[in-house]
Amino acid sequence: MRGALWAPAVALGLCAAALPASAQNVGAGAIAGAGLGAGQGVAGRVALRDQSSLGLRAAAEQGLRAMMLEMSRGHAAGAKLPEGFPLAAATYGELATLTLGAGFEVNTVDPAALMYANAAADLSRIARSTDTWKFVILSAGKPVGLLDMNRVGGRWTAVGAGASALAADLVAAAPATGDGSFRFVRIYQATSDLIEVRGAGDRSRFVPMPSARRSLALSASAARTTAGAEQTLDSQDLLPALQAAVRGNLQRGQR
């Protein structure tokens, strides 16, 4: 399994506050050429929308370059990456060509809020932001991992990279969003990642990632439509399984 790649403690962050307010948000057309802003990729395929500010994205780009340079130092460009490397790249030289795709914030649901939620609760309403961001890392347009961004000393800093399988799963689930808009929800105590999208009547629906299907005992076939597309579930479909998973994990942690 490909794990996380941690960056050395170097000053990679850029302070978003240094940019004027008018430049803080990336417009839909600003990065459409990279398949991020307009929600449509090559040949009309749905692409995940970038949600980051210009300052955050600039810090992520600088952090990616510095991290890949550090990892490839001392290695020939044509040398193969070791087995288990956390990014799905082939050679050290490929690391220098990696680019960033869509950026998105990690949201979560606190265990207490989840456990006390009633059967009619809306996961969208009890999810909260974490101020932790991830960016899809691309090689020749294909997802090879995720870049992790946190605030360190008030500056956006790249703190790790990896999760190549999750990156591929996120991009593959883009059609379920309709137009590329989504919210990423990670429920730590249930070991479950979900993509929140908007369904009919602007209701929140959720696409379970493989981690959620495993943790919540959702079969792969049940999470897909007969056409093979990712199926979206509502809060009521997920709440009982999420609560059972959290309860079980908390009980195991007390032993």
Protein backbone atom coordinates (compact mmCIF):
# COMPACT_ATOMS: atom_id res chain seq x y z
CA MET A 1 0.00 0.00 0.00
CA ARG A 2 1.32 3.43 -0.88
CA GLY A 3 1.59 5.56 2.23
CA ALA A 4 2.32 9.20 2.91
CA LEU A 5 5.44 11.05 1.89
CA TRP A 6 6.42 13.66 4.46
CA ALA A 7 8.17 16.86 3.48
CA PRO A 8 11.32 18.00 5.31
CA ALA A 9 10.94 20.90 7.70
CA VAL A 10 11.75 23.65 5.23
CA ALA A 11 10.01 26.95 4.62
CA LEU A 12 7.70 26.10 1.73
CA GLY A 13 4.66 28.18 2.71
CA LEU A 14 3.43 31.40 1.20
CA CYS A 15 1.24 33.75 3.18
CA ALA A 16 -2.07 34.14 1.35
CA ALA A 17 -2.64 37.44 3.13
CA ALA A 18 0.19 38.91 1.09
CA LEU A 19 -2.04 38.94 -1.97
CA PRO A 20 -4.68 41.62 -2.51
CA ALA A 21 -8.23 40.61 -1.68
CA SER A 22 -9.22 40.77 -5.33
CA ALA A 23 -6.71 38.03 -6.11
CA GLN A 24 -7.57 35.62 -3.34
CA ASN A 25 -10.09 33.42 -5.17
CA VAL A 26 -9.42 31.49 -8.34
CA GLY A 27 -12.10 32.23 -10.93
CA ALA A 28 -13.84 29.49 -12.87
CA GLY A 29 -12.11 30.47 -16.07
CA ALA A 30 -8.69 31.15 -14.61
CA ILE A 31 -7.60 27.52 -14.73
CA ALA A 32 -10.10 26.04 -17.15
CA GLY A 33 -7.27 25.14 -19.46
CA ALA A 34 -6.05 22.70 -16.82
CA GLY A 35 -9.50 21.15 -16.56
CA LEU A 36 -10.10 22.56 -13.08
CA GLY A 37 -12.26 25.62 -13.20
CA ALA A 38 -15.16 25.07 -15.55
CA GLY A 39 -16.00 21.56 -14.39
CA GLN A 40 -15.44 20.07 -17.84
CA GLY A 41 -12.26 18.28 -18.88
CA VAL A 42 -11.09 16.91 -22.20
CA ALA A 43 -13.83 15.86 -24.61
CA GLY A 44 -16.55 17.16 -22.30
CA ARG A 45 -15.66 14.86 -19.41
CA VAL A 46 -16.47 16.20 -15.94
CA ALA A 47 -13.43 17.47 -14.02
CA LEU A 48 -13.30 18.30 -10.32
CA ARG A 49 -13.50 22.04 -9.66
CA ASP A 50 -10.60 23.74 -7.93
CA GLN A 51 -11.73 25.36 -4.66
CA SER A 52 -8.49 26.99 -3.52
CA SER A 53 -7.45 30.63 -3.33
CA LEU A 54 -4.60 32.01 -5.41
CA GLY A 55 -2.37 32.33 -2.34
CA LEU A 56 -3.00 28.76 -1.24
CA ARG A 57 -2.47 27.42 -4.73
CA ALA A 58 0.79 29.35 -5.14
CA ALA A 59 2.05 27.88 -1.86
CA ALA A 60 1.01 24.40 -2.98
CA GLU A 61 2.84 24.75 -6.29
CA GLN A 62 6.00 25.95 -4.56
CA GLY A 63 5.70 23.19 -1.96
CA LEU A 64 5.26 20.49 -4.61
CA ARG A 65 8.34 21.66 -6.53
CA ALA A 66 10.50 21.83 -3.38
CA MET A 67 9.31 18.46 -2.12
CA MET A 68 9.90 16.67 -5.43
CA LEU A 69 13.32 18.29 -5.79
CA GLU A 70 14.28 17.08 -2.33
CA MET A 71 13.07 13.55 -3.03
CA SER A 72 14.88 13.26 -6.35
CA ARG A 73 18.17 14.75 -5.17
CA GLY A 74 21.05 12.32 -5.71
CA HIS A 75 19.10 10.06 -8.09
CA ALA A 76 19.44 9.75 -11.86
CA ALA A 77 16.40 11.01 -13.75
CA GLY A 78 15.90 7.61 -15.39
CA ALA A 79 16.17 5.64 -12.14
CA LYS A 80 12.98 3.85 -11.15
CA LEU A 81 11.20 4.82 -7.97
CA PRO A 82 11.27 2.16 -5.24
CA GLU A 83 8.37 -0.22 -4.74
CA GLY A 84 5.79 1.26 -2.39
CA PHE A 85 6.65 4.87 -3.27
CA PRO A 86 3.61 6.93 -2.19
CA LEU A 87 3.11 8.59 -5.59
CA ALA A 88 2.14 6.54 -8.64
CA ALA A 89 5.05 7.83 -10.72
CA ALA A 90 7.62 5.65 -12.47
CA THR A 91 10.98 7.46 -12.31
CA TYR A 92 12.74 10.16 -10.32
CA GLY A 93 12.77 12.31 -13.43
CA GLU A 94 8.98 12.15 -13.61
CA LEU A 95 8.76 13.83 -10.20
CA ALA A 96 10.03 17.08 -11.75
CA THR A 97 7.14 17.08 -14.25
CA LEU A 98 4.30 16.72 -11.75
CA THR A 99 1.62 19.42 -11.69
CA LEU A 100 -1.36 20.28 -9.51
CA GLY A 101 -4.99 19.60 -10.26
CA ALA A 102 -8.02 20.53 -8.17
CA GLY A 103 -7.54 21.71 -4.60
CA PHE A 104 -10.16 21.05 -1.93
CA GLU A 105 -10.62 21.37 1.80
CA VAL A 106 -10.98 18.38 4.10
CA ASN A 107 -14.24 18.49 6.06
CA THR A 108 -15.11 16.18 8.93
CA VAL A 109 -17.89 15.20 11.33
CA ASP A 110 -17.08 15.11 15.03
CA PRO A 111 -17.86 11.73 16.65
CA ALA A 112 -20.14 13.23 19.29
CA ALA A 113 -22.23 15.03 16.67
CA LEU A 114 -22.44 11.84 14.65
CA MET A 115 -23.38 9.59 17.56
CA TYR A 116 -26.12 11.94 18.80
CA ALA A 117 -27.58 12.51 15.34
CA ASN A 118 -31.10 11.23 14.88
CA ALA A 119 -32.34 9.25 11.91
CA ALA A 120 -33.41 12.41 10.06
CA ALA A 121 -30.09 14.25 10.52
CA ASP A 122 -28.33 15.74 7.50
CA LEU A 123 -24.61 14.90 7.37
CA SER A 124 -24.05 18.04 5.33
CA ARG A 125 -25.24 20.23 8.20
CA ILE A 126 -23.10 18.60 10.89
CA ALA A 127 -19.91 18.43 8.81
CA ARG A 128 -17.37 21.15 9.56
CA SER A 129 -14.27 22.48 7.86
CA THR A 130 -10.79 21.64 9.15
CA ASP A 131 -8.60 24.24 7.37
CA THR A 132 -6.58 21.32 5.96
CA TRP A 133 -6.40 21.18 2.17
CA LYS A 134 -5.42 18.62 -0.44
CA PHE A 135 -4.47 19.01 -4.09
CA VAL A 136 -4.63 16.33 -6.74
CA ILE A 137 -1.13 15.70 -8.13
CA LEU A 138 -1.05 14.99 -11.86
CA SER A 139 1.45 13.38 -14.21
CA ALA A 140 0.59 14.01 -17.87
CA GLY A 141 -2.97 14.72 -16.75
CA LYS A 142 -3.38 11.51 -14.73
CA PRO A 143 -3.78 11.51 -10.92
CA VAL A 144 -0.76 10.07 -9.10
CA GLY A 145 -1.33 11.32 -5.55
CA LEU A 146 -2.49 14.08 -3.23
CA LEU A 147 -0.51 16.99 -1.77
CA ASP A 148 -1.36 17.91 1.84
CA MET A 149 -1.39 21.59 2.86
CA ASN A 150 -1.62 22.95 6.42
CA ARG A 151 -0.99 26.32 8.05
CA VAL A 152 2.38 26.29 9.83
CA GLY A 153 3.33 29.48 11.60
CA GLY A 154 0.55 31.32 9.78
CA ARG A 155 1.75 30.23 6.33
CA TRP A 156 0.36 27.63 3.97
CA THR A 157 2.91 24.83 3.91
CA ALA A 158 3.16 21.53 2.05
CA VAL A 159 3.42 18.87 4.77
CA GLY A 160 3.09 15.61 2.89
CA ALA A 161 2.14 13.79 -0.29
CA GLY A 162 0.82 10.34 -1.11
CA ALA A 163 -2.59 8.60 -1.27
CA SER A 164 -2.27 7.72 -4.95
CA ALA A 165 -5.24 5.33 -4.79
CA LEU A 166 -7.52 7.96 -3.23
CA ALA A 167 -6.46 10.50 -5.86
CA ALA A 168 -7.47 8.10 -8.63
CA ASP A 169 -10.76 7.31 -6.87
CA LEU A 170 -11.62 11.01 -6.50
CA VAL A 171 -11.01 11.77 -10.17
CA ALA A 172 -12.96 8.66 -11.21
CA ALA A 173 -15.93 9.83 -9.12
CA ALA A 174 -16.05 13.26 -10.80
CA PRO A 175 -18.99 12.36 -13.09
CA ALA A 176 -21.15 11.78 -10.00
CA THR A 177 -20.77 15.47 -9.12
CA GLY A 178 -22.59 16.57 -12.27
CA ASP A 179 -20.57 19.75 -12.80
CA GLY A 180 -17.38 19.13 -10.82
CA SER A 181 -18.62 20.79 -7.61
CA PHE A 182 -18.09 18.71 -4.47
CA ARG A 183 -17.16 18.69 -0.81
CA PHE A 184 -14.72 16.15 0.61
CA VAL A 185 -15.75 14.70 3.99
CA ARG A 186 -13.41 12.49 6.01
CA ILE A 187 -14.89 10.87 9.11
CA TYR A 188 -11.77 9.81 10.96
CA GLN A 189 -13.40 7.68 13.66
CA ALA A 190 -15.28 5.71 11.00
CA THR A 191 -12.25 5.43 8.66
CA SER A 192 -14.49 6.70 5.88
CA ASP A 193 -14.06 9.20 3.04
CA LEU A 194 -17.12 10.61 1.28
CA ILE A 195 -17.72 13.04 -1.55
CA GLU A 196 -20.71 15.29 -0.97
CA VAL A 197 -22.57 16.37 -4.09
CA ARG A 198 -25.88 18.09 -4.75
CA GLY A 199 -28.73 15.97 -6.03
CA ALA A 200 -32.27 16.70 -7.14
CA GLY A 201 -33.85 19.58 -5.27
CA ASP A 202 -30.38 20.72 -4.16
CA ARG A 203 -30.30 17.93 -1.57
CA SER A 204 -26.94 16.67 -0.35
CA ARG A 205 -25.96 13.23 -1.57
CA PHE A 206 -22.76 11.30 -0.87
CA VAL A 207 -20.45 9.11 -2.92
CA PRO A 208 -18.63 6.62 -0.65
CA MET A 209 -14.96 6.18 -1.46
CA PRO A 210 -13.44 2.67 -1.14
CA SER A 211 -12.39 3.37 2.47
CA ALA A 212 -16.03 4.01 3.36
CA ARG A 213 -17.23 0.96 1.44
CA ARG A 214 -14.80 -1.20 3.41
CA SER A 215 -15.42 0.38 6.81
CA LEU A 216 -19.20 0.53 6.41
CA ALA A 217 -19.45 -2.89 4.73
CA LEU A 218 -20.90 -1.40 1.56
CA SER A 219 -20.34 -3.71 -1.38
CA ALA A 220 -18.74 -2.24 -4.50
CA SER A 221 -21.74 -3.33 -6.56
CA ALA A 222 -24.16 -1.65 -4.17
CA ALA A 223 -22.24 1.60 -4.48
CA ARG A 224 -22.60 1.68 -8.26
CA THR A 225 -25.55 1.97 -10.57
CA THR A 226 -26.29 -0.67 -13.15
CA ALA A 227 -24.61 1.61 -15.70
CA GLY A 228 -21.37 1.40 -13.71
CA ALA A 229 -21.41 5.01 -12.51
CA GLU A 230 -20.87 5.93 -8.88
CA GLN A 231 -24.14 5.86 -6.97
CA THR A 232 -24.95 8.65 -4.53
CA LEU A 233 -26.47 7.91 -1.13
CA ASP A 234 -28.32 10.22 1.22
CA SER A 235 -27.59 10.78 4.90
CA GLN A 236 -30.22 8.30 6.00
CA ASP A 237 -28.53 5.58 3.92
CA LEU A 238 -25.19 6.21 5.64
CA LEU A 239 -25.93 7.29 9.21
CA PRO A 240 -26.65 3.87 10.79
CA ALA A 241 -23.50 2.33 9.29
CA LEU A 242 -21.36 5.35 10.23
CA GLN A 243 -22.62 5.32 13.79
CA ALA A 244 -21.97 1.57 14.08
CA ALA A 245 -18.43 2.00 12.71
CA VAL A 246 -17.63 4.86 15.11
CA ARG A 247 -19.08 2.93 18.05
CA GLY A 248 -17.04 -0.15 17.17
CA ASN A 249 -13.80 1.78 16.68
CA LEU A 250 -14.23 3.67 19.94
CA GLN A 251 -14.91 0.44 21.83
CA ARG A 252 -11.85 -1.22 20.34
CA GLY A 253 -9.75 1.80 21.32
CA GLN A 254 -10.84 1.43 24.96
CA ARG A 255 -9.65 -2.15 25.25
